[in-house]
PDB file of N, CA and C in Angstrom:
ATOM      1  N   UNK A   1      90.329 103.255 122.491  1.00  0.00           N
ATOM      2  CA  UNK A   1      89.568 103.665 122.164  1.00  0.00           C
ATOM      3  C   UNK A   1      89.996 105.050 121.501  1.00  0.00           C
ATOM      4  N   UNK A   2      90.582 105.224 122.182  1.00  0.00           N
ATOM      5  CA  UNK A   2      91.432 106.758 122.622  1.00  0.00           C
ATOM      6  C   UNK A   2      92.833 106.785 120.820  1.00  0.00           C
ATOM      7  N   UNK A   3      93.168 105.386 121.042  1.00  0.00           N
ATOM      8  CA  UNK A   3      94.082 105.498 119.986  1.00  0.00           C
ATOM      9  C   UNK A   3      93.103 105.520 118.661  1.00  0.00           C
ATOM     10  N   UNK A   4      92.342 104.900 118.202  1.00  0.00           N
ATOM     11  CA  UNK A   4      91.451 104.898 117.151  1.00  0.00           C
ATOM     12  C   UNK A   4      90.873 106.124 116.404  1.00  0.00           C
ATOM     13  N   UNK A   5      90.656 106.882 117.455  1.00  0.00           N
ATOM     14  CA  UNK A   5      90.365 108.361 117.405  1.00  0.00           C
ATOM     15  C   UNK A   5      91.587 108.839 116.888  1.00  0.00           C
ATOM     16  N   UNK A   6      92.845 109.266 117.122  1.00  0.00           N
ATOM     17  CA  UNK A   6      94.059 109.451 116.872  1.00  0.00           C
ATOM     18  C   UNK A   6      94.505 109.264 115.770  1.00  0.00           C
ATOM     19  N   UNK A   7      94.364 107.678 115.290  1.00  0.00           N
ATOM     20  CA  UNK A   7      94.798 107.186 113.693  1.00  0.00           C
ATOM     21  C   UNK A   7      93.625 107.213 113.439  1.00  0.00           C
ATOM     22  N   UNK A   8      92.807 108.034 113.010  1.00  0.00           N
ATOM     23  CA  UNK A   8      91.498 108.045 112.349  1.00  0.00           C
ATOM     24  C   UNK A   8      91.674 109.160 110.536  1.00  0.00           C
ATOM     25  N   UNK A   9      90.738 108.507 109.844  1.00  0.00           N
ATOM     26  CA  UNK A   9      91.125 109.822 108.887  1.00  0.00           C
ATOM     27  C   UNK A   9      91.383 111.415 108.800  1.00  0.00           C
ATOM     28  N   UNK A  10      91.665 112.287 108.113  1.00  0.00           N
ATOM     29  CA  UNK A  10      91.667 113.006 108.601  1.00  0.00           C
ATOM     30  C   UNK A  10      91.131 113.883 108.335  1.00  0.00           C
ATOM     31  N   UNK A  11      90.305 115.577 109.249  1.00  0.00           N
ATOM     32  CA  UNK A  11      89.690 115.885 109.232  1.00  0.00           C
ATOM     33  C   UNK A  11      89.063 116.842 107.974  1.00  0.00           C
ATOM     34  N   UNK A  12      88.412 117.750 107.605  1.00  0.00           N
ATOM     35  CA  UNK A  12      87.962 118.267 106.752  1.00  0.00           C
ATOM     36  C   UNK A  12      88.903 119.328 106.804  1.00  0.00           C
ATOM     37  N   UNK A  13      89.300 120.301 105.625  1.00  0.00           N
ATOM     38  CA  UNK A  13      90.785 121.170 105.958  1.00  0.00           C
ATOM     39  C   UNK A  13      92.110 120.366 106.060  1.00  0.00           C
ATOM     40  N   UNK A  14      92.228 119.873 106.560  1.00  0.00           N
ATOM     41  CA  UNK A  14      93.414 119.356 106.689  1.00  0.00           C
ATOM     42  C   UNK A  14      94.036 118.643 105.570  1.00  0.00           C
ATOM     43  N   UNK A  15      95.491 118.616 104.922  1.00  0.00           N
ATOM     44  CA  UNK A  15      95.815 118.017 104.280  1.00  0.00           C
ATOM     45  C   UNK A  15      95.599 116.452 104.613  1.00  0.00           C
ATOM     46  N   UNK A  16      95.592 115.488 103.320  1.00  0.00           N
ATOM     47  CA  UNK A  16      95.603 113.860 103.154  1.00  0.00           C
ATOM     48  C   UNK A  16      96.581 113.791 103.449  1.00  0.00           C
ATOM     49  N   UNK A  17      97.144 113.166 104.634  1.00  0.00           N
ATOM     50  CA  UNK A  17      98.111 112.448 105.181  1.00  0.00           C
ATOM     51  C   UNK A  17      98.908 111.273 104.500  1.00  0.00           C
ATOM     52  N   UNK A  18      97.981 110.928 103.268  1.00  0.00           N
ATOM     53  CA  UNK A  18      98.484 109.445 102.988  1.00  0.00           C
ATOM     54  C   UNK A  18      98.981 109.883 101.151  1.00  0.00           C
ATOM     55  N   UNK A  19      98.529 111.019 101.189  1.00  0.00           N
ATOM     56  CA  UNK A  19      98.824 111.760  99.449  1.00  0.00           C
ATOM     57  C   UNK A  19      99.946 112.304  99.540  1.00  0.00           C
ATOM     58  N   UNK A  20     100.319 111.580  97.977  1.00  0.00           N
ATOM     59  CA  UNK A  20     102.526 111.958  98.494  1.00  0.00           C
ATOM     60  C   UNK A  20     102.289 113.464  98.179  1.00  0.00           C
ATOM     61  N   UNK A  21     103.254 114.029  97.985  1.00  0.00           N
ATOM     62  CA  UNK A  21     103.927 115.285  96.917  1.00  0.00           C
ATOM     63  C   UNK A  21     103.731 115.272  95.917  1.00  0.00           C
ATOM     64  N   UNK A  22     102.726 116.102  95.014  1.00  0.00           N
ATOM     65  CA  UNK A  22     103.064 116.101  93.361  1.00  0.00           C
ATOM     66  C   UNK A  22     103.820 116.995  93.333  1.00  0.00           C
ATOM     67  N   UNK A  23     104.043 118.047  93.866  1.00  0.00           N
ATOM     68  CA  UNK A  23     104.481 119.437  93.365  1.00  0.00           C
ATOM     69  C   UNK A  23     105.526 119.441  92.658  1.00  0.00           C
ATOM     70  N   UNK A  24     106.824 118.486  92.670  1.00  0.00           N
ATOM     71  CA  UNK A  24     107.745 118.131  91.592  1.00  0.00           C
ATOM     72  C   UNK A  24     107.175 117.494  90.124  1.00  0.00           C
ATOM     73  N   UNK A  25     105.941 116.356  90.751  1.00  0.00           N
ATOM     74  CA  UNK A  25     105.821 115.792  89.250  1.00  0.00           C
ATOM     75  C   UNK A  25     104.860 116.282  88.283  1.00  0.00           C
ATOM     76  N   UNK A  26     104.139 117.957  89.340  1.00  0.00           N
ATOM     77  CA  UNK A  26     103.309 119.060  88.369  1.00  0.00           C
ATOM     78  C   UNK A  26     104.175 119.903  87.647  1.00  0.00           C
ATOM     79  N   UNK A  27     105.938 119.921  88.161  1.00  0.00           N
ATOM     80  CA  UNK A  27     106.325 121.420  87.556  1.00  0.00           C
ATOM     81  C   UNK A  27     107.098 119.770  86.707  1.00  0.00           C
ATOM     82  N   UNK A  28     107.383 118.790  86.561  1.00  0.00           N
ATOM     83  CA  UNK A  28     107.629 118.150  85.348  1.00  0.00           C
ATOM     84  C   UNK A  28     106.973 118.035  83.982  1.00  0.00           C
ATOM     85  N   UNK A  29     105.671 117.843  84.320  1.00  0.00           N
ATOM     86  CA  UNK A  29     104.458 118.595  83.065  1.00  0.00           C
ATOM     87  C   UNK A  29     104.165 119.366  82.982  1.00  0.00           C
ATOM     88  N   UNK A  30     104.359 120.861  83.699  1.00  0.00           N
ATOM     89  CA  UNK A  30     104.082 121.843  83.040  1.00  0.00           C
ATOM     90  C   UNK A  30     105.255 122.224  82.446  1.00  0.00           C
ATOM     91  N   UNK A  31     106.542 121.481  82.654  1.00  0.00           N
ATOM     92  CA  UNK A  31     108.005 122.234  81.904  1.00  0.00           C
ATOM     93  C   UNK A  31     107.930 121.762  80.772  1.00  0.00           C
ATOM     94  N   UNK A  32     107.451 120.365  80.630  1.00  0.00           N
ATOM     95  CA  UNK A  32     107.392 119.471  79.514  1.00  0.00           C
ATOM     96  C   UNK A  32     106.408 119.995  78.494  1.00  0.00           C
ATOM     97  N   UNK A  33     105.244 120.752  79.194  1.00  0.00           N
ATOM     98  CA  UNK A  33     104.244 120.957  78.199  1.00  0.00           C
ATOM     99  C   UNK A  33     104.128 122.537  77.782  1.00  0.00           C
ATOM    100  N   UNK A  34     105.090 123.167  78.491  1.00  0.00           N
ATOM    101  CA  UNK A  34     105.853 124.744  78.001  1.00  0.00           C
ATOM    102  C   UNK A  34     106.889 124.522  76.901  1.00  0.00           C
ATOM    103  N   UNK A  35     107.714 123.275  76.813  1.00  0.00           N
ATOM    104  CA  UNK A  35     108.991 123.436  76.107  1.00  0.00           C
ATOM    105  C   UNK A  35     107.954 123.089  74.305  1.00  0.00           C
ATOM    106  N   UNK A  36     106.528 122.296  74.510  1.00  0.00           N
ATOM    107  CA  UNK A  36     105.821 122.431  73.317  1.00  0.00           C
ATOM    108  C   UNK A  36     105.714 121.086  73.005  1.00  0.00           C
ATOM    109  N   UNK A  37     105.994 120.198  73.944  1.00  0.00           N
ATOM    110  CA  UNK A  37     105.762 118.333  74.008  1.00  0.00           C
ATOM    111  C   UNK A  37     104.125 118.566  73.750  1.00  0.00           C
ATOM    112  N   UNK A  38     103.865 117.899  72.753  1.00  0.00           N
ATOM    113  CA  UNK A  38     102.544 117.120  72.853  1.00  0.00           C
ATOM    114  C   UNK A  38     102.170 116.380  73.343  1.00  0.00           C
ATOM    115  N   UNK A  39     102.099 116.544  75.301  1.00  0.00           N
ATOM    116  CA  UNK A  39     101.616 115.720  76.335  1.00  0.00           C
ATOM    117  C   UNK A  39      99.930 115.898  76.626  1.00  0.00           C
ATOM    118  N   UNK A  40      99.315 116.591  75.697  1.00  0.00           N
ATOM    119  CA  UNK A  40      97.982 117.084  75.716  1.00  0.00           C
ATOM    120  C   UNK A  40      97.117 115.733  77.072  1.00  0.00           C
ATOM    121  N   UNK A  41      97.213 114.625  76.941  1.00  0.00           N
ATOM    122  CA  UNK A  41      96.486 113.273  77.549  1.00  0.00           C
ATOM    123  C   UNK A  41      97.436 112.982  79.013  1.00  0.00           C
ATOM    124  N   UNK A  42      98.773 113.546  78.710  1.00  0.00           N
ATOM    125  CA  UNK A  42      99.448 113.502  80.338  1.00  0.00           C
ATOM    126  C   UNK A  42      98.862 115.006  81.239  1.00  0.00           C
ATOM    127  N   UNK A  43      98.337 116.197  80.292  1.00  0.00           N
ATOM    128  CA  UNK A  43      98.313 117.339  81.158  1.00  0.00           C
ATOM    129  C   UNK A  43      96.734 116.667  81.751  1.00  0.00           C
ATOM    130  N   UNK A  44      96.069 115.992  81.215  1.00  0.00           N
ATOM    131  CA  UNK A  44      94.696 115.739  82.012  1.00  0.00           C
ATOM    132  C   UNK A  44      94.677 114.519  82.579  1.00  0.00           C
ATOM    133  N   UNK A  45      95.143 113.342  82.715  1.00  0.00           N
ATOM    134  CA  UNK A  45      95.889 112.765  83.309  1.00  0.00           C
ATOM    135  C   UNK A  45      95.896 112.975  84.655  1.00  0.00           C
ATOM    136  N   UNK A  46      97.124 113.625  84.500  1.00  0.00           N
ATOM    137  CA  UNK A  46      97.740 114.349  86.181  1.00  0.00           C
ATOM    138  C   UNK A  46      96.613 115.196  86.625  1.00  0.00           C
ATOM    139  N   UNK A  47      95.738 115.997  86.001  1.00  0.00           N
ATOM    140  CA  UNK A  47      94.678 117.078  86.792  1.00  0.00           C
ATOM    141  C   UNK A  47      93.740 115.372  87.349  1.00  0.00           C
ATOM    142  N   UNK A  48      93.439 114.533  86.728  1.00  0.00           N
ATOM    143  CA  UNK A  48      92.460 113.373  87.521  1.00  0.00           C
ATOM    144  C   UNK A  48      93.284 112.734  88.414  1.00  0.00           C
ATOM    145  N   UNK A  49      94.200 113.132  88.198  1.00  0.00           N
ATOM    146  CA  UNK A  49      95.382 112.506  89.354  1.00  0.00           C
ATOM    147  C   UNK A  49      94.956 113.249  90.361  1.00  0.00           C
ATOM    148  N   UNK A  50      95.254 114.551  90.348  1.00  0.00           N
ATOM    149  CA  UNK A  50      95.264 115.082  91.853  1.00  0.00           C
ATOM    150  C   UNK A  50      94.327 115.262  92.311  1.00  0.00           C
ATOM    151  N   UNK A  51      92.924 115.120  91.394  1.00  0.00           N
ATOM    152  CA  UNK A  51      91.790 115.382  91.745  1.00  0.00           C
ATOM    153  C   UNK A  51      91.514 114.438  92.893  1.00  0.00           C
ATOM    154  N   UNK A  52      91.841 113.221  92.269  1.00  0.00           N
ATOM    155  CA  UNK A  52      90.974 111.708  93.325  1.00  0.00           C
ATOM    156  C   UNK A  52      92.313 112.176  94.457  1.00  0.00           C
ATOM    157  N   UNK A  53      93.288 112.110  94.500  1.00  0.00           N
ATOM    158  CA  UNK A  53      93.901 112.426  95.681  1.00  0.00           C
ATOM    159  C   UNK A  53      93.740 113.300  96.216  1.00  0.00           C
ATOM    160  N   UNK A  54      92.923 114.648  95.843  1.00  0.00           N
ATOM    161  CA  UNK A  54      92.488 115.695  96.795  1.00  0.00           C
ATOM    162  C   UNK A  54      91.122 115.120  97.289  1.00  0.00           C
ATOM    163  N   UNK A  55      90.535 113.592  97.125  1.00  0.00           N
ATOM    164  CA  UNK A  55      89.295 113.000  97.283  1.00  0.00           C
ATOM    165  C   UNK A  55      89.846 112.482  98.658  1.00  0.00           C
ATOM    166  N   UNK A  56      91.066 111.795  98.492  1.00  0.00           N
ATOM    167  CA  UNK A  56      91.175 110.707  99.901  1.00  0.00           C
ATOM    168  C   UNK A  56      91.036 109.690  98.926  1.00  0.00           C
ATOM    169  N   UNK A  57      91.772 109.367  97.332  1.00  0.00           N
ATOM    170  CA  UNK A  57      91.774 108.196  96.980  1.00  0.00           C
ATOM    171  C   UNK A  57      93.087 107.342  97.007  1.00  0.00           C
ATOM    172  N   UNK A  58      94.082 107.839  98.005  1.00  0.00           N
ATOM    173  CA  UNK A  58      95.331 107.237  98.062  1.00  0.00           C
ATOM    174  C   UNK A  58      95.180 106.260  99.153  1.00  0.00           C
ATOM    175  N   UNK A  59      95.208 104.994  99.390  1.00  0.00           N
ATOM    176  CA  UNK A  59      95.658 104.752  99.995  1.00  0.00           C
ATOM    177  C   UNK A  59      96.764 103.616 100.503  1.00  0.00           C
ATOM    178  N   UNK A  60      97.691 103.626 101.515  1.00  0.00           N
ATOM    179  CA  UNK A  60      98.644 102.745 101.593  1.00  0.00           C
ATOM    180  C   UNK A  60      98.844 101.553 100.818  1.00  0.00           C
ATOM    181  N   UNK A  61      99.655 101.367 100.038  1.00  0.00           N
ATOM    182  CA  UNK A  61      99.722  99.863  99.140  1.00  0.00           C
ATOM    183  C   UNK A  61      98.756  99.682  98.296  1.00  0.00           C
ATOM    184  N   UNK A  62      98.173 100.867  98.007  1.00  0.00           N
ATOM    185  CA  UNK A  62      96.304 100.880  97.085  1.00  0.00           C
ATOM    186  C   UNK A  62      97.190 102.190  96.114  1.00  0.00           C
ATOM    187  N   UNK A  63      97.552 101.898  94.799  1.00  0.00           N
ATOM    188  CA  UNK A  63      97.410 102.762  93.851  1.00  0.00           C
ATOM    189  C   UNK A  63      95.937 103.214  92.938  1.00  0.00           C
ATOM    190  N   UNK A  64      95.844 104.579  93.417  1.00  0.00           N
ATOM    191  CA  UNK A  64      94.017 104.376  92.795  1.00  0.00           C
ATOM    192  C   UNK A  64      94.586 104.755  91.002  1.00  0.00           C
ATOM    193  N   UNK A  65      92.988 104.380  90.086  1.00  0.00           N
ATOM    194  CA  UNK A  65      93.454 103.642  88.921  1.00  0.00           C
ATOM    195  C   UNK A  65      94.095 105.271  88.197  1.00  0.00           C
ATOM    196  N   UNK A  66      93.927 106.201  88.524  1.00  0.00           N
ATOM    197  CA  UNK A  66      94.272 107.499  87.831  1.00  0.00           C
ATOM    198  C   UNK A  66      95.181 107.469  87.779  1.00  0.00           C
ATOM    199  N   UNK A  67      96.601 107.127  88.614  1.00  0.00           N
ATOM    200  CA  UNK A  67      97.872 106.577  88.741  1.00  0.00           C
ATOM    201  C   UNK A  67      97.990 105.955  87.574  1.00  0.00           C
ATOM    202  N   UNK A  68      97.722 105.072  87.659  1.00  0.00           N
ATOM    203  CA  UNK A  68      98.061 103.933  86.137  1.00  0.00           C
ATOM    204  C   UNK A  68      97.443 104.457  85.055  1.00  0.00           C
ATOM    205  N   UNK A  69      96.475 105.444  84.752  1.00  0.00           N
ATOM    206  CA  UNK A  69      96.177 106.239  83.287  1.00  0.00           C
ATOM    207  C   UNK A  69      97.063 107.377  83.476  1.00  0.00           C
ATOM    208  N   UNK A  70      97.708 107.809  84.252  1.00  0.00           N
ATOM    209  CA  UNK A  70      99.113 108.606  84.440  1.00  0.00           C
ATOM    210  C   UNK A  70     100.390 108.207  83.556  1.00  0.00           C
ATOM    211  N   UNK A  71     100.545 106.898  84.084  1.00  0.00           N
ATOM    212  CA  UNK A  71     102.057 106.150  83.466  1.00  0.00           C
ATOM    213  C   UNK A  71     101.527 105.776  82.241  1.00  0.00           C
ATOM    214  N   UNK A  72     100.153 105.050  81.779  1.00  0.00           N
ATOM    215  CA  UNK A  72      99.741 104.508  80.563  1.00  0.00           C
ATOM    216  C   UNK A  72      99.930 106.365  79.599  1.00  0.00           C
ATOM    217  N   UNK A  73      99.583 107.110  80.156  1.00  0.00           N
ATOM    218  CA  UNK A  73      99.653 108.595  78.768  1.00  0.00           C
ATOM    219  C   UNK A  73     101.316 109.065  78.563  1.00  0.00           C
ATOM    220  N   UNK A  74     101.823 108.758  79.916  1.00  0.00           N
ATOM    221  CA  UNK A  74     103.502 108.871  80.209  1.00  0.00           C
ATOM    222  C   UNK A  74     104.391 108.017  78.970  1.00  0.00           C
ATOM    223  N   UNK A  75     103.913 107.200  79.065  1.00  0.00           N
ATOM    224  CA  UNK A  75     104.364 105.918  77.978  1.00  0.00           C
ATOM    225  C   UNK A  75     103.917 106.743  76.686  1.00  0.00           C
ATOM    226  N   UNK A  76     102.895 106.354  76.809  1.00  0.00           N
ATOM    227  CA  UNK A  76     101.960 106.941  75.328  1.00  0.00           C
ATOM    228  C   UNK A  76     103.020 107.990  74.334  1.00  0.00           C
ATOM    229  N   UNK A  77     103.042 109.110  75.375  1.00  0.00           N
ATOM    230  CA  UNK A  77     103.509 110.058  74.647  1.00  0.00           C
ATOM    231  C   UNK A  77     104.782 109.771  74.694  1.00  0.00           C
ATOM    232  N   UNK A  78     105.814 108.915  75.656  1.00  0.00           N
ATOM    233  CA  UNK A  78     107.372 108.291  75.038  1.00  0.00           C
ATOM    234  C   UNK A  78     107.402 107.827  73.964  1.00  0.00           C
ATOM    235  N   UNK A  79     106.468 106.957  73.543  1.00  0.00           N
ATOM    236  CA  UNK A  79     106.241 106.362  72.179  1.00  0.00           C
ATOM    237  C   UNK A  79     106.243 106.972  71.194  1.00  0.00           C
ATOM    238  N   UNK A  80     105.862 108.205  71.560  1.00  0.00           N
ATOM    239  CA  UNK A  80     105.133 109.445  70.083  1.00  0.00           C
ATOM    240  C   UNK A  80     106.569 109.767  70.171  1.00  0.00           C
ATOM    241  N   UNK A  81     107.566 109.738  70.799  1.00  0.00           N
ATOM    242  CA  UNK A  81     109.040 110.543  70.527  1.00  0.00           C
ATOM    243  C   UNK A  81     108.955 111.320  71.429  1.00  0.00           C
ATOM    244  N   UNK A  82     108.046 111.778  72.219  1.00  0.00           N
ATOM    245  CA  UNK A  82     107.915 112.948  73.660  1.00  0.00           C
ATOM    246  C   UNK A  82     108.792 113.085  74.549  1.00  0.00           C
ATOM    247  N   UNK A  83     109.616 114.536  74.933  1.00  0.00           N
ATOM    248  CA  UNK A  83     110.646 114.457  76.219  1.00  0.00           C
ATOM    249  C   UNK A  83     109.842 114.053  77.269  1.00  0.00           C
ATOM    250  N   UNK A  84     109.428 112.879  77.580  1.00  0.00           N
ATOM    251  CA  UNK A  84     108.849 113.265  79.023  1.00  0.00           C
ATOM    252  C   UNK A  84     109.308 112.126  80.048  1.00  0.00           C
ATOM    253  N   UNK A  85     110.791 112.270  80.009  1.00  0.00           N
ATOM    254  CA  UNK A  85     111.821 111.514  80.816  1.00  0.00           C
ATOM    255  C   UNK A  85     111.598 112.201  82.366  1.00  0.00           C
ATOM    256  N   UNK A  86     111.463 113.259  82.297  1.00  0.00           N
ATOM    257  CA  UNK A  86     111.651 114.150  84.194  1.00  0.00           C
ATOM    258  C   UNK A  86     110.589 113.165  84.696  1.00  0.00           C
ATOM    259  N   UNK A  87     109.421 113.464  83.409  1.00  0.00           N
ATOM    260  CA  UNK A  87     107.878 113.203  83.950  1.00  0.00           C
ATOM    261  C   UNK A  87     108.184 111.940  84.520  1.00  0.00           C
ATOM    262  N   UNK A  88     108.334 111.066  83.777  1.00  0.00           N
ATOM    263  CA  UNK A  88     108.528 109.745  84.131  1.00  0.00           C
ATOM    264  C   UNK A  88     109.302 109.273  85.267  1.00  0.00           C
ATOM    265  N   UNK A  89     110.620 110.110  85.585  1.00  0.00           N
ATOM    266  CA  UNK A  89     110.858 110.080  87.017  1.00  0.00           C
ATOM    267  C   UNK A  89     110.411 110.177  88.132  1.00  0.00           C
ATOM    268  N   UNK A  90     110.122 111.382  88.206  1.00  0.00           N
ATOM    269  CA  UNK A  90     108.604 111.913  89.199  1.00  0.00           C
ATOM    270  C   UNK A  90     108.195 110.976  89.329  1.00  0.00           C
ATOM    271  N   UNK A  91     107.174 110.740  87.750  1.00  0.00           N
ATOM    272  CA  UNK A  91     106.186 109.664  88.287  1.00  0.00           C
ATOM    273  C   UNK A  91     106.707 108.538  89.306  1.00  0.00           C
ATOM    274  N   UNK A  92     107.853 107.788  89.056  1.00  0.00           N
ATOM    275  CA  UNK A  92     108.262 106.927  89.468  1.00  0.00           C
ATOM    276  C   UNK A  92     107.856 106.512  90.970  1.00  0.00           C
ATOM    277  N   UNK A  93     109.121 108.442  91.627  1.00  0.00           N
ATOM    278  CA  UNK A  93     108.898 108.460  92.631  1.00  0.00           C
ATOM    279  C   UNK A  93     107.597 108.705  93.613  1.00  0.00           C
ATOM    280  N   UNK A  94     106.540 108.958  92.795  1.00  0.00           N
ATOM    281  CA  UNK A  94     105.006 109.056  93.272  1.00  0.00           C
ATOM    282  C   UNK A  94     104.449 107.382  93.596  1.00  0.00           C
ATOM    283  N   UNK A  95     104.926 106.878  92.364  1.00  0.00           N
ATOM    284  CA  UNK A  95     104.461 105.419  92.475  1.00  0.00           C
ATOM    285  C   UNK A  95     105.066 104.480  93.452  1.00  0.00           C
ATOM    286  N   UNK A  96     106.086 105.401  94.300  1.00  0.00           N
ATOM    287  CA  UNK A  96     106.968 104.686  95.222  1.00  0.00           C
ATOM    288  C   UNK A  96     106.368 104.592  96.163  1.00  0.00           C
ATOM    289  N   UNK A  97     105.679 105.625  96.446  1.00  0.00           N
ATOM    290  CA  UNK A  97     105.432 106.979  98.150  1.00  0.00           C
ATOM    291  C   UNK A  97     104.037 106.001  98.112  1.00  0.00           C
ATOM    292  N   UNK A  98     103.521 106.045  96.757  1.00  0.00           N
ATOM    293  CA  UNK A  98     101.494 104.930  97.297  1.00  0.00           C
ATOM    294  C   UNK A  98     102.297 103.530  97.278  1.00  0.00           C
TER     295      UNK A  98
END
């Protein structure tokens, strides 16, 4: 029973151990937005993903739907000719982490 207590979910105030680090992805999104890329949908999807992960939506082997929405937004921006290569690369690393 003691082991189950140690392996339980993180307590309030502790970082979510299952959530990937989004700093590099956030940096890539912010940098693309500052360059003038028209990526409002990507920025919104990124905010939704951060919010979901903060609430503990990440489970090992299960990507939250917000992650798929972010991927779709990045691909749509790319199809419109926006320079989102760095965002796509960092997103791929986050996807692998989940």
